[in-house]
């Protein structure tokens, strides 16, 4: 079976055929860096991390580009997200950008998300965006207003709406479509905006001092590093309209070629069925989540749902994911412990059939539009058979154990990113430690409910002596290690 992907543009599953044999060029819309990343962001970037990992595992050379949006992403009110945060904290906008860019990469590193090959910043590519806007004006697809704004004329490009299925006659001015003086149509979108004197992030342009629109940033950066047409464009499904739609219009109007051949978009992470977002306040940051749960368990939770589907966040779901990861790591630990004193030879080699079958099933699952939930299921079935073998009392030789370990390292580690190389650094021992601390936290909570404050304080103080600091919150007690 060859790799099949569900292409959001054609709305069907297709065989994946890169433009250049053996190479994949992939662009994924990156974060707007005005706050710490939350688990909703992790849903998208862990999903594309696995896609990136699997493409490389399959033998492709991947150029993965993921931008950093540090200017131009406006709220529905017209305020720049970064400028608003800078004003609230009395900081320079670039201080906000630097702080949260570093925070984002720290969080992704903690989750085992491999860094893109290129992470271009929007503010570092303003000349390319100005050049693209000028070219669109000259080609008759865009126009400048007397105030110094530049808009893309959606009526000039009949294919506008082909990704999302939106029709121009259905678009009306409202929350998502700004109606501004000088626009020819409410759905026309900004390529460049004039800046008021007090605006802090602004550049000189042929139309006066201003700043780029959000959509043109991705078009300019993607084509700069990947060419007029590239293989995969990724991002969140919620940005299909207007952001992705506008990217396509700008790029294809100029080049006359497809912007990207395959559109792979992730479903949202929800809380009680509502998308997790900062604006709704229903989010948990990655930094807070990894205080309580193993990063690998968070990845397992995300991968338990297909990348294109939504997944609902809950404490129970993360607890279940952590337990599932611990079961998996139990077999990994048992395998690696057995390897320490394993006899040379291929005793137990009959298990090679099971190894080959499960590896093939895993590859078939991933070849089916990167079906990580199904691939996880294969790994869990494999784990049950490994436990049966290693607990049977039968002698198992080094060759067989090394072949089992290779499955975990390659499929669980290199592809899914949930099996660490070294148990001593990030394995079951840490999970066991977490479980013991949580048990003591529960005992302390029980003591407090019974007004046994002497025991409660003793547990807290003894944990503090061991470098485990408890923090009581309205939603419960969490801990951090010193």
Protein backbone atom coordinates (compact mmCIF):
# COMPACT_ATOMS: atom_id res chain seq x y z
CA UNK A 1 0.00 0.00 0.00
CA UNK A 2 1.29 3.47 -0.89
CA UNK A 3 0.71 6.53 1.29
CA UNK A 4 -2.84 7.89 0.93
CA UNK A 5 -3.84 11.30 2.29
CA UNK A 6 -7.18 13.06 2.59
CA UNK A 7 -6.82 16.24 0.58
CA UNK A 8 -9.08 19.00 1.93
CA UNK A 9 -8.92 20.75 -1.42
CA UNK A 10 -10.35 17.85 -3.43
CA UNK A 11 -12.32 16.46 -0.48
CA UNK A 12 -11.13 12.94 -1.16
CA UNK A 13 -8.38 10.51 -0.27
CA UNK A 14 -5.58 10.45 -2.81
CA UNK A 15 -2.27 8.70 -3.37
CA UNK A 16 0.52 10.96 -2.18
CA UNK A 17 2.87 11.84 -5.03
CA UNK A 18 5.46 14.51 -4.18
CA UNK A 19 6.57 16.97 -6.84
CA UNK A 20 10.12 15.65 -6.65
CA UNK A 21 10.68 11.95 -6.07
CA UNK A 22 12.07 11.28 -2.61
CA UNK A 23 11.52 14.86 -1.39
CA UNK A 24 8.63 16.52 0.44
CA UNK A 25 8.15 20.26 0.89
CA UNK A 26 5.72 21.04 3.71
CA UNK A 27 4.46 24.33 5.14
CA UNK A 28 2.46 24.54 8.37
CA UNK A 29 0.93 27.75 9.73
CA UNK A 30 2.76 28.47 12.98
CA UNK A 31 1.73 30.25 16.19
CA UNK A 32 1.01 33.92 16.81
CA UNK A 33 3.43 34.56 19.66
CA UNK A 34 1.57 36.72 22.16
CA UNK A 35 1.10 34.21 25.00
CA UNK A 36 2.16 30.76 26.17
CA UNK A 37 1.11 27.81 24.01
CA UNK A 38 -1.83 25.73 25.23
CA UNK A 39 -2.85 22.13 24.65
CA UNK A 40 -4.94 23.17 21.65
CA UNK A 41 -1.76 24.36 19.94
CA UNK A 42 -0.09 21.09 20.93
CA UNK A 43 -2.86 19.19 19.10
CA UNK A 44 -1.86 20.76 15.79
CA UNK A 45 1.90 20.71 16.17
CA UNK A 46 2.17 17.21 17.65
CA UNK A 47 -0.01 15.96 14.78
CA UNK A 48 2.25 17.52 12.16
CA UNK A 49 5.32 16.38 14.06
CA UNK A 50 4.14 12.79 13.58
CA UNK A 51 3.40 13.44 9.90
CA UNK A 52 6.91 14.88 9.53
CA UNK A 53 8.44 11.95 11.43
CA UNK A 54 6.59 9.34 9.38
CA UNK A 55 7.53 10.92 6.07
CA UNK A 56 11.18 10.81 7.13
CA UNK A 57 10.79 7.24 8.42
CA UNK A 58 9.39 6.34 4.99
CA UNK A 59 12.57 7.57 3.37
CA UNK A 60 11.60 11.07 2.23
CA UNK A 61 13.85 14.09 2.63
CA UNK A 62 11.54 16.71 4.16
CA UNK A 63 11.88 20.47 4.12
CA UNK A 64 9.50 21.50 6.88
CA UNK A 65 8.73 25.22 7.14
CA UNK A 66 6.63 26.57 10.01
CA UNK A 67 6.31 30.32 10.41
CA UNK A 68 6.24 32.53 13.47
CA UNK A 69 3.55 35.23 13.26
CA UNK A 70 4.88 38.26 15.11
CA UNK A 71 2.92 41.06 13.41
CA UNK A 72 -0.35 41.62 11.58
CA UNK A 73 -2.63 39.00 13.18
CA UNK A 74 -5.57 41.15 14.24
CA UNK A 75 -8.42 40.49 16.63
CA UNK A 76 -11.99 40.94 15.38
CA UNK A 77 -11.82 44.39 17.02
CA UNK A 78 -8.98 45.38 14.67
CA UNK A 79 -6.35 45.33 17.43
CA UNK A 80 -3.03 43.59 16.81
CA UNK A 81 -2.78 40.68 19.27
CA UNK A 82 0.88 41.37 20.04
CA UNK A 83 0.42 45.13 20.41
CA UNK A 84 -2.49 44.57 22.78
CA UNK A 85 -0.38 42.27 24.98
CA UNK A 86 2.57 44.68 24.85
CA UNK A 87 0.34 47.53 25.97
CA UNK A 88 -1.13 45.50 28.82
CA UNK A 89 2.35 44.61 30.12
CA UNK A 90 4.02 47.95 29.24
CA UNK A 91 6.60 46.17 27.10
CA UNK A 92 7.99 46.65 23.62
CA UNK A 93 6.24 44.44 21.04
CA UNK A 94 9.51 42.65 20.25
CA UNK A 95 9.92 41.85 23.93
CA UNK A 96 6.57 40.08 23.79
CA UNK A 97 7.60 38.29 20.58
CA UNK A 98 10.95 37.12 21.97
CA UNK A 99 9.44 35.98 25.26
CA UNK A 100 6.67 33.90 23.73
CA UNK A 101 8.68 32.58 20.78
CA UNK A 102 11.16 31.13 23.24
CA UNK A 103 8.30 29.84 25.37
CA UNK A 104 6.71 28.16 22.34
CA UNK A 105 9.88 26.31 21.39
CA UNK A 106 10.48 25.32 25.02
CA UNK A 107 7.00 23.79 25.12
CA UNK A 108 7.39 22.00 21.80
CA UNK A 109 10.81 20.68 22.85
CA UNK A 110 9.27 19.38 26.07
CA UNK A 111 6.60 17.56 24.05
CA UNK A 112 9.19 15.98 21.78
CA UNK A 113 8.12 18.02 18.75
CA UNK A 114 11.06 18.15 16.38
CA UNK A 115 11.88 21.65 15.23
CA UNK A 116 11.09 22.67 11.64
CA UNK A 117 13.93 23.06 9.15
CA UNK A 118 13.03 26.74 8.80
CA UNK A 119 11.04 28.95 11.21
CA UNK A 120 10.68 32.27 9.37
CA UNK A 121 9.27 35.30 11.15
CA UNK A 122 6.71 37.52 9.47
CA UNK A 123 8.51 40.68 10.61
CA UNK A 124 11.69 39.46 8.93
CA UNK A 125 10.00 39.08 5.56
CA UNK A 126 8.23 42.42 5.09
CA UNK A 127 10.10 43.21 1.83
CA UNK A 128 8.80 39.97 0.29
CA UNK A 129 5.27 40.83 1.38
CA UNK A 130 5.48 44.35 -0.07
CA UNK A 131 6.82 42.94 -3.34
CA UNK A 132 3.94 40.44 -3.53
CA UNK A 133 1.36 43.17 -2.84
CA UNK A 134 2.89 45.37 -5.56
CA UNK A 135 2.78 42.51 -8.04
CA UNK A 136 -0.88 41.82 -7.24
CA UNK A 137 -1.76 45.48 -7.83
CA UNK A 138 0.11 45.49 -11.17
CA UNK A 139 -1.67 42.28 -12.23
CA UNK A 140 -5.07 43.78 -11.44
CA UNK A 141 -5.88 41.59 -8.43
CA UNK A 142 -5.41 44.22 -5.72
CA UNK A 143 -5.92 47.95 -5.22
CA UNK A 144 -4.67 50.66 -2.88
CA UNK A 145 -6.96 53.09 -1.05
CA UNK A 146 -6.40 56.78 -0.39
CA UNK A 147 -5.57 55.96 3.24
CA UNK A 148 -2.69 53.69 2.27
CA UNK A 149 -4.37 50.31 2.68
CA UNK A 150 -4.01 47.61 0.03
CA UNK A 151 -6.80 45.07 -0.51
CA UNK A 152 -7.10 41.93 -2.60
CA UNK A 153 -10.14 42.17 -4.87
CA UNK A 154 -11.88 38.83 -4.36
CA UNK A 155 -14.10 39.41 -7.41
CA UNK A 156 -10.99 39.48 -9.59
CA UNK A 157 -10.22 35.84 -8.80
CA UNK A 158 -13.24 33.60 -9.49
CA UNK A 159 -11.79 30.61 -7.60
CA UNK A 160 -11.91 32.41 -4.25
CA UNK A 161 -13.61 30.06 -1.77
CA UNK A 162 -12.63 26.76 -3.42
CA UNK A 163 -10.96 25.29 -0.30
CA UNK A 164 -13.66 26.19 2.21
CA UNK A 165 -16.67 26.03 -0.09
CA UNK A 166 -17.60 29.62 0.77
CA UNK A 167 -19.43 31.52 -1.94
CA UNK A 168 -18.95 35.25 -2.39
CA UNK A 169 -22.66 35.96 -2.57
CA UNK A 170 -23.04 34.35 0.87
CA UNK A 171 -20.37 36.52 2.47
CA UNK A 172 -21.67 39.52 4.35
CA UNK A 173 -19.95 42.11 6.50
CA UNK A 174 -19.69 40.93 10.08
CA UNK A 175 -17.47 39.57 12.79
CA UNK A 176 -15.11 37.70 10.44
CA UNK A 177 -15.30 40.04 7.43
CA UNK A 178 -14.24 43.60 8.13
CA UNK A 179 -16.20 46.38 6.40
CA UNK A 180 -13.92 49.37 5.98
CA UNK A 181 -14.01 52.61 4.01
CA UNK A 182 -12.31 52.20 0.65
CA UNK A 183 -13.15 48.52 0.21
CA UNK A 184 -14.84 47.51 -3.02
CA UNK A 185 -16.44 44.45 -1.45
CA UNK A 186 -16.84 43.46 2.21
CA UNK A 187 -14.91 40.21 1.59
CA UNK A 188 -11.86 41.97 0.14
CA UNK A 189 -8.97 41.33 2.51
CA UNK A 190 -5.98 43.42 3.51
CA UNK A 191 -2.54 42.86 2.03
CA UNK A 192 -1.19 45.99 3.69
CA UNK A 193 -2.61 48.31 6.34
CA UNK A 194 -1.73 51.92 7.02
CA UNK A 195 -0.40 52.61 10.49
CA UNK A 196 -1.62 55.37 12.78
CA UNK A 197 1.14 57.52 14.33
CA UNK A 198 0.91 55.68 17.67
CA UNK A 199 1.23 52.23 16.06
CA UNK A 200 4.50 50.67 17.25
CA UNK A 201 5.16 48.05 14.56
CA UNK A 202 5.35 49.71 11.14
CA UNK A 203 7.44 49.83 7.98
CA UNK A 204 7.85 52.13 4.99
CA UNK A 205 6.06 51.03 1.84
CA UNK A 206 5.03 52.45 -1.54
CA UNK A 207 1.65 53.26 0.06
CA UNK A 208 2.99 54.94 3.18
CA UNK A 209 3.96 53.72 6.63
CA UNK A 210 2.12 50.57 7.66
CA UNK A 211 2.27 46.85 8.32
CA UNK A 212 1.38 43.66 6.43
CA UNK A 213 -1.90 41.79 6.57
CA UNK A 214 -1.89 38.40 8.26
CA UNK A 215 -2.70 36.31 5.19
CA UNK A 216 0.03 37.60 2.90
CA UNK A 217 2.70 36.66 5.43
CA UNK A 218 2.21 32.93 4.90
CA UNK A 219 1.96 33.22 1.11
CA UNK A 220 5.20 35.20 0.93
CA UNK A 221 7.18 32.97 3.30
CA UNK A 222 5.89 29.68 1.89
CA UNK A 223 6.77 30.57 -1.70
CA UNK A 224 10.15 32.02 -0.69
CA UNK A 225 11.33 28.78 0.90
CA UNK A 226 9.29 26.13 -0.92
CA UNK A 227 8.57 27.58 -4.36
CA UNK A 228 5.41 28.59 -6.21
CA UNK A 229 3.95 25.10 -5.71
CA UNK A 230 4.86 22.75 -2.88
CA UNK A 231 3.61 19.42 -1.63
CA UNK A 232 1.77 19.83 1.68
CA UNK A 233 0.13 22.79 3.37
CA UNK A 234 -0.93 22.16 6.96
CA UNK A 235 -2.58 24.00 9.80
CA UNK A 236 -5.74 24.06 11.87
CA UNK A 237 -9.09 23.41 10.22
CA UNK A 238 -10.49 26.54 11.88
CA UNK A 239 -8.18 28.68 9.71
CA UNK A 240 -9.50 27.24 6.44
CA UNK A 241 -11.53 30.42 6.05
CA UNK A 242 -10.52 33.13 5.72
CA UNK A 243 -6.78 32.58 6.28
CA UNK A 244 -5.99 29.59 4.04
CA UNK A 245 -8.45 30.77 1.42
CA UNK A 246 -6.71 34.13 1.23
CA UNK A 247 -3.27 32.50 1.06
CA UNK A 248 -4.40 30.51 -1.96
CA UNK A 249 -5.94 33.50 -3.72
CA UNK A 250 -2.83 35.67 -3.39
CA UNK A 251 -0.35 33.01 -4.40
CA UNK A 252 -2.30 31.41 -7.25
CA UNK A 253 -3.44 34.73 -8.73
CA UNK A 254 0.22 35.63 -9.21
CA UNK A 255 1.69 32.30 -10.25
CA UNK A 256 -1.21 30.72 -12.11
CA UNK A 257 -0.17 27.45 -10.45
CA UNK A 258 -1.53 25.46 -7.49
CA UNK A 259 -0.23 26.88 -4.21
CA UNK A 260 -0.04 23.44 -2.54
CA UNK A 261 -0.94 20.04 -3.92
CA UNK A 262 -2.26 18.55 -0.66
CA UNK A 263 -4.10 20.37 2.12
CA UNK A 264 -3.95 18.51 5.46
CA UNK A 265 -5.79 20.29 8.26
CA UNK A 266 -6.15 19.30 11.91
CA UNK A 267 -9.35 19.22 13.90
CA UNK A 268 -9.59 21.35 17.02
CA UNK A 269 -9.01 20.35 20.60
CA UNK A 270 -12.25 21.05 22.45
CA UNK A 271 -13.45 21.35 26.03
CA UNK A 272 -17.01 20.10 26.47
CA UNK A 273 -17.39 20.35 22.71
CA UNK A 274 -16.18 23.98 22.51
CA UNK A 275 -12.84 24.82 20.83
CA UNK A 276 -10.07 25.50 23.35
CA UNK A 277 -8.94 29.10 22.97
CA UNK A 278 -7.46 31.94 24.96
CA UNK A 279 -10.36 34.24 24.09
CA UNK A 280 -12.81 31.84 25.80
CA UNK A 281 -10.54 31.23 28.77
CA UNK A 282 -11.11 27.46 28.55
CA UNK A 283 -7.47 26.51 28.05
CA UNK A 284 -4.62 24.82 29.88
CA UNK A 285 -1.09 25.78 28.93
CA UNK A 286 1.46 23.20 27.91
CA UNK A 287 3.63 24.33 30.83
CA UNK A 288 0.86 23.56 33.30
CA UNK A 289 -0.05 20.27 31.67
CA UNK A 290 3.47 18.85 31.82
CA UNK A 291 3.65 19.64 35.54
CA UNK A 292 1.08 16.90 36.04
CA UNK A 293 1.34 14.59 33.04
CA UNK A 294 4.19 12.98 31.18
CA UNK A 295 4.88 14.72 27.82
CA UNK A 296 4.65 11.31 26.15
CA UNK A 297 1.23 10.77 27.74
CA UNK A 298 0.05 14.12 26.36
CA UNK A 299 1.25 13.04 22.91
CA UNK A 300 -0.55 9.71 23.29
CA UNK A 301 -3.75 11.55 24.23
CA UNK A 302 -3.48 13.75 21.12
CA UNK A 303 -2.67 10.80 18.84
CA UNK A 304 -5.61 8.78 20.16
CA UNK A 305 -7.76 10.78 17.73
CA UNK A 306 -7.10 11.12 13.99
CA UNK A 307 -5.32 14.38 13.20
CA UNK A 308 -8.23 15.62 11.09
CA UNK A 309 -10.83 15.04 13.83
CA UNK A 310 -11.55 17.08 16.96
CA UNK A 311 -10.60 15.61 20.32
CA UNK A 312 -12.25 16.59 23.61
CA UNK A 313 -9.97 17.46 26.49
CA UNK A 314 -10.64 16.25 30.01
CA UNK A 315 -8.62 15.29 33.05
CA UNK A 316 -10.04 11.78 32.80
CA UNK A 317 -8.83 11.46 29.20
CA UNK A 318 -5.31 12.53 30.14
CA UNK A 319 -5.26 10.19 33.14
CA UNK A 320 -6.33 7.36 30.85
CA UNK A 321 -3.61 8.30 28.34
CA UNK A 322 -0.98 8.32 31.06
CA UNK A 323 -2.04 4.87 32.25
CA UNK A 324 -1.94 3.61 28.68
CA UNK A 325 1.56 4.99 28.24
CA UNK A 326 2.69 3.37 31.50
CA UNK A 327 1.39 -0.02 30.29
CA UNK A 328 3.31 0.41 27.06
CA UNK A 329 6.46 1.45 28.89
CA UNK A 330 6.13 -1.51 31.22
CA UNK A 331 6.72 -3.82 28.25
CA UNK A 332 9.54 -1.60 26.98
CA UNK A 333 11.21 -1.71 30.38
CA UNK A 334 10.75 -5.48 30.66
CA UNK A 335 12.34 -5.92 27.21
CA UNK A 336 15.32 -3.72 27.98
CA UNK A 337 15.88 -5.29 31.40
CA UNK A 338 15.82 -8.75 29.80
CA UNK A 339 18.43 -7.61 27.30
CA UNK A 340 20.93 -7.00 30.08
CA UNK A 341 21.39 -10.71 30.75
CA UNK A 342 19.94 -12.23 27.57
CA UNK A 343 21.66 -15.30 26.18
CA UNK A 344 23.24 -14.94 22.76
CA UNK A 345 21.36 -16.48 19.87
CA UNK A 346 17.83 -16.46 18.53
CA UNK A 347 15.91 -18.35 21.22
CA UNK A 348 12.26 -17.37 20.88
CA UNK A 349 12.83 -16.53 17.22
CA UNK A 350 9.34 -17.77 16.38
CA UNK A 351 8.20 -14.39 17.68
CA UNK A 352 9.76 -12.77 14.62
CA UNK A 353 6.55 -13.53 12.74
CA UNK A 354 4.57 -11.42 15.23
CA UNK A 355 7.18 -8.66 14.98
CA UNK A 356 6.96 -8.56 11.19
CA UNK A 357 3.15 -8.68 11.20
CA UNK A 358 2.79 -5.81 13.66
CA UNK A 359 5.38 -3.67 11.89
CA UNK A 360 3.51 -4.14 8.61
CA UNK A 361 0.16 -3.38 10.25
CA UNK A 362 1.63 -0.20 11.76
CA UNK A 363 2.93 0.94 8.37
CA UNK A 364 -0.42 0.18 6.73
CA UNK A 365 -2.17 2.29 9.37
CA UNK A 366 0.15 5.24 8.88
CA UNK A 367 -0.06 4.91 5.10
CA UNK A 368 -3.80 5.36 5.49
CA UNK A 369 -3.75 9.16 5.93
CA UNK A 370 -1.39 9.01 8.94
CA UNK A 371 -3.88 7.04 11.03
CA UNK A 372 -2.10 7.37 14.37
CA UNK A 373 -4.99 5.97 16.48
CA UNK A 374 -4.91 2.75 14.48
CA UNK A 375 -1.10 2.65 14.65
CA UNK A 376 -1.31 3.07 18.42
CA UNK A 377 -3.72 0.16 18.54
CA UNK A 378 -1.21 -2.00 16.66
CA UNK A 379 1.50 -1.05 19.16
CA UNK A 380 -0.82 -1.88 22.07
CA UNK A 381 -1.64 -5.29 20.57
CA UNK A 382 2.06 -5.89 20.07
CA UNK A 383 2.67 -5.01 23.72
CA UNK A 384 0.17 -7.63 24.89
CA UNK A 385 2.00 -10.30 22.88
CA UNK A 386 5.38 -9.11 24.18
CA UNK A 387 4.15 -9.33 27.77
CA UNK A 388 2.84 -12.84 27.14
CA UNK A 389 6.18 -13.92 25.69
CA UNK A 390 8.37 -12.37 28.38
CA UNK A 391 6.20 -13.62 31.25
CA UNK A 392 5.89 -17.16 29.86
CA UNK A 393 9.11 -18.43 31.40
CA UNK A 394 10.40 -19.34 27.93
CA UNK A 395 14.03 -18.41 27.25
CA UNK A 396 14.24 -15.49 24.85
CA UNK A 397 17.49 -14.81 23.03
CA UNK A 398 19.23 -11.52 22.40
CA UNK A 399 18.30 -11.40 18.71
CA UNK A 400 14.59 -11.63 19.45
CA UNK A 401 14.77 -9.08 22.28
CA UNK A 402 16.72 -6.65 20.10
CA UNK A 403 14.12 -7.04 17.36
CA UNK A 404 11.33 -6.27 19.87
CA UNK A 405 13.24 -3.27 21.21
CA UNK A 406 13.76 -2.03 17.64
CA UNK A 407 9.98 -2.01 17.09
CA UNK A 408 9.50 0.18 20.16
CA UNK A 409 12.38 2.49 19.29
CA UNK A 410 11.42 2.91 15.64
CA UNK A 411 7.62 2.87 15.68
CA UNK A 412 6.94 4.11 19.20
CA UNK A 413 9.97 6.40 19.39
CA UNK A 414 11.05 7.64 15.96
CA UNK A 415 7.53 7.83 14.47
CA UNK A 416 5.06 8.47 17.31
CA UNK A 417 7.50 10.05 19.76
CA UNK A 418 6.06 8.31 22.82
CA UNK A 419 8.86 5.85 23.66
CA UNK A 420 12.04 7.48 25.01
CA UNK A 421 15.46 6.09 24.22
CA UNK A 422 16.55 5.96 27.85
CA UNK A 423 14.21 4.75 30.58
CA UNK A 424 16.42 6.16 33.31
CA UNK A 425 15.92 9.67 31.95
CA UNK A 426 12.30 9.66 30.87
CA UNK A 427 10.69 6.32 31.46
CA UNK A 428 8.69 4.28 33.87
CA UNK A 429 10.74 5.33 36.91
CA UNK A 430 9.49 8.89 36.43
CA UNK A 431 5.92 7.66 35.99
CA UNK A 432 6.21 5.62 39.20
CA UNK A 433 7.56 8.68 41.03
CA UNK A 434 4.62 10.73 39.78
CA UNK A 435 2.19 8.05 40.95
CA UNK A 436 3.68 7.99 44.45
CA UNK A 437 3.55 11.77 44.75
CA UNK A 438 -0.06 11.80 43.58
CA UNK A 439 -0.87 9.16 46.21
CA UNK A 440 0.64 11.36 48.94
CA UNK A 441 -1.31 14.36 47.62
CA UNK A 442 -4.52 12.32 47.89
CA UNK A 443 -3.62 11.21 51.43
CA UNK A 444 -2.94 14.84 52.38
CA UNK A 445 -6.29 15.92 50.90
CA UNK A 446 -8.02 13.22 52.95
CA UNK A 447 -6.20 14.36 56.10
CA UNK A 448 -7.24 17.95 55.49
CA UNK A 449 -10.86 16.95 54.94
CA UNK A 450 -10.72 15.19 58.33
CA UNK A 451 -9.07 18.29 59.87
CA UNK A 452 -5.95 16.26 60.64
CA UNK A 453 -3.74 19.24 59.92
CA UNK A 454 -0.73 17.77 61.70
CA UNK A 455 -0.60 14.87 59.22
CA UNK A 456 -1.38 17.19 56.30
CA UNK A 457 1.49 19.50 57.24
CA UNK A 458 3.82 16.56 57.80
CA UNK A 459 3.19 15.24 54.28
CA UNK A 460 3.72 18.69 52.78
CA UNK A 461 6.91 19.34 54.75
CA UNK A 462 8.46 15.93 54.11
CA UNK A 463 7.78 16.28 50.39
CA UNK A 464 9.36 19.75 50.49
CA UNK A 465 12.44 18.23 52.14
CA UNK A 466 12.67 15.93 49.11
CA UNK A 467 12.35 18.83 46.68
CA UNK A 468 8.66 18.31 45.89
CA UNK A 469 6.78 21.59 46.35
CA UNK A 470 3.00 21.42 46.63
CA UNK A 471 0.81 24.22 45.33
CA UNK A 472 -2.83 24.33 46.43
CA UNK A 473 -5.15 25.74 43.77
CA UNK A 474 -8.92 26.20 43.59
CA UNK A 475 -9.07 23.20 41.22
CA UNK A 476 -6.81 21.00 43.32
CA UNK A 477 -3.19 20.51 44.36
CA UNK A 478 -0.31 20.31 41.88
CA UNK A 479 3.38 19.85 42.48
CA UNK A 480 6.67 20.95 41.02
CA UNK A 481 10.14 19.54 41.50
CA UNK A 482 13.05 21.67 42.68
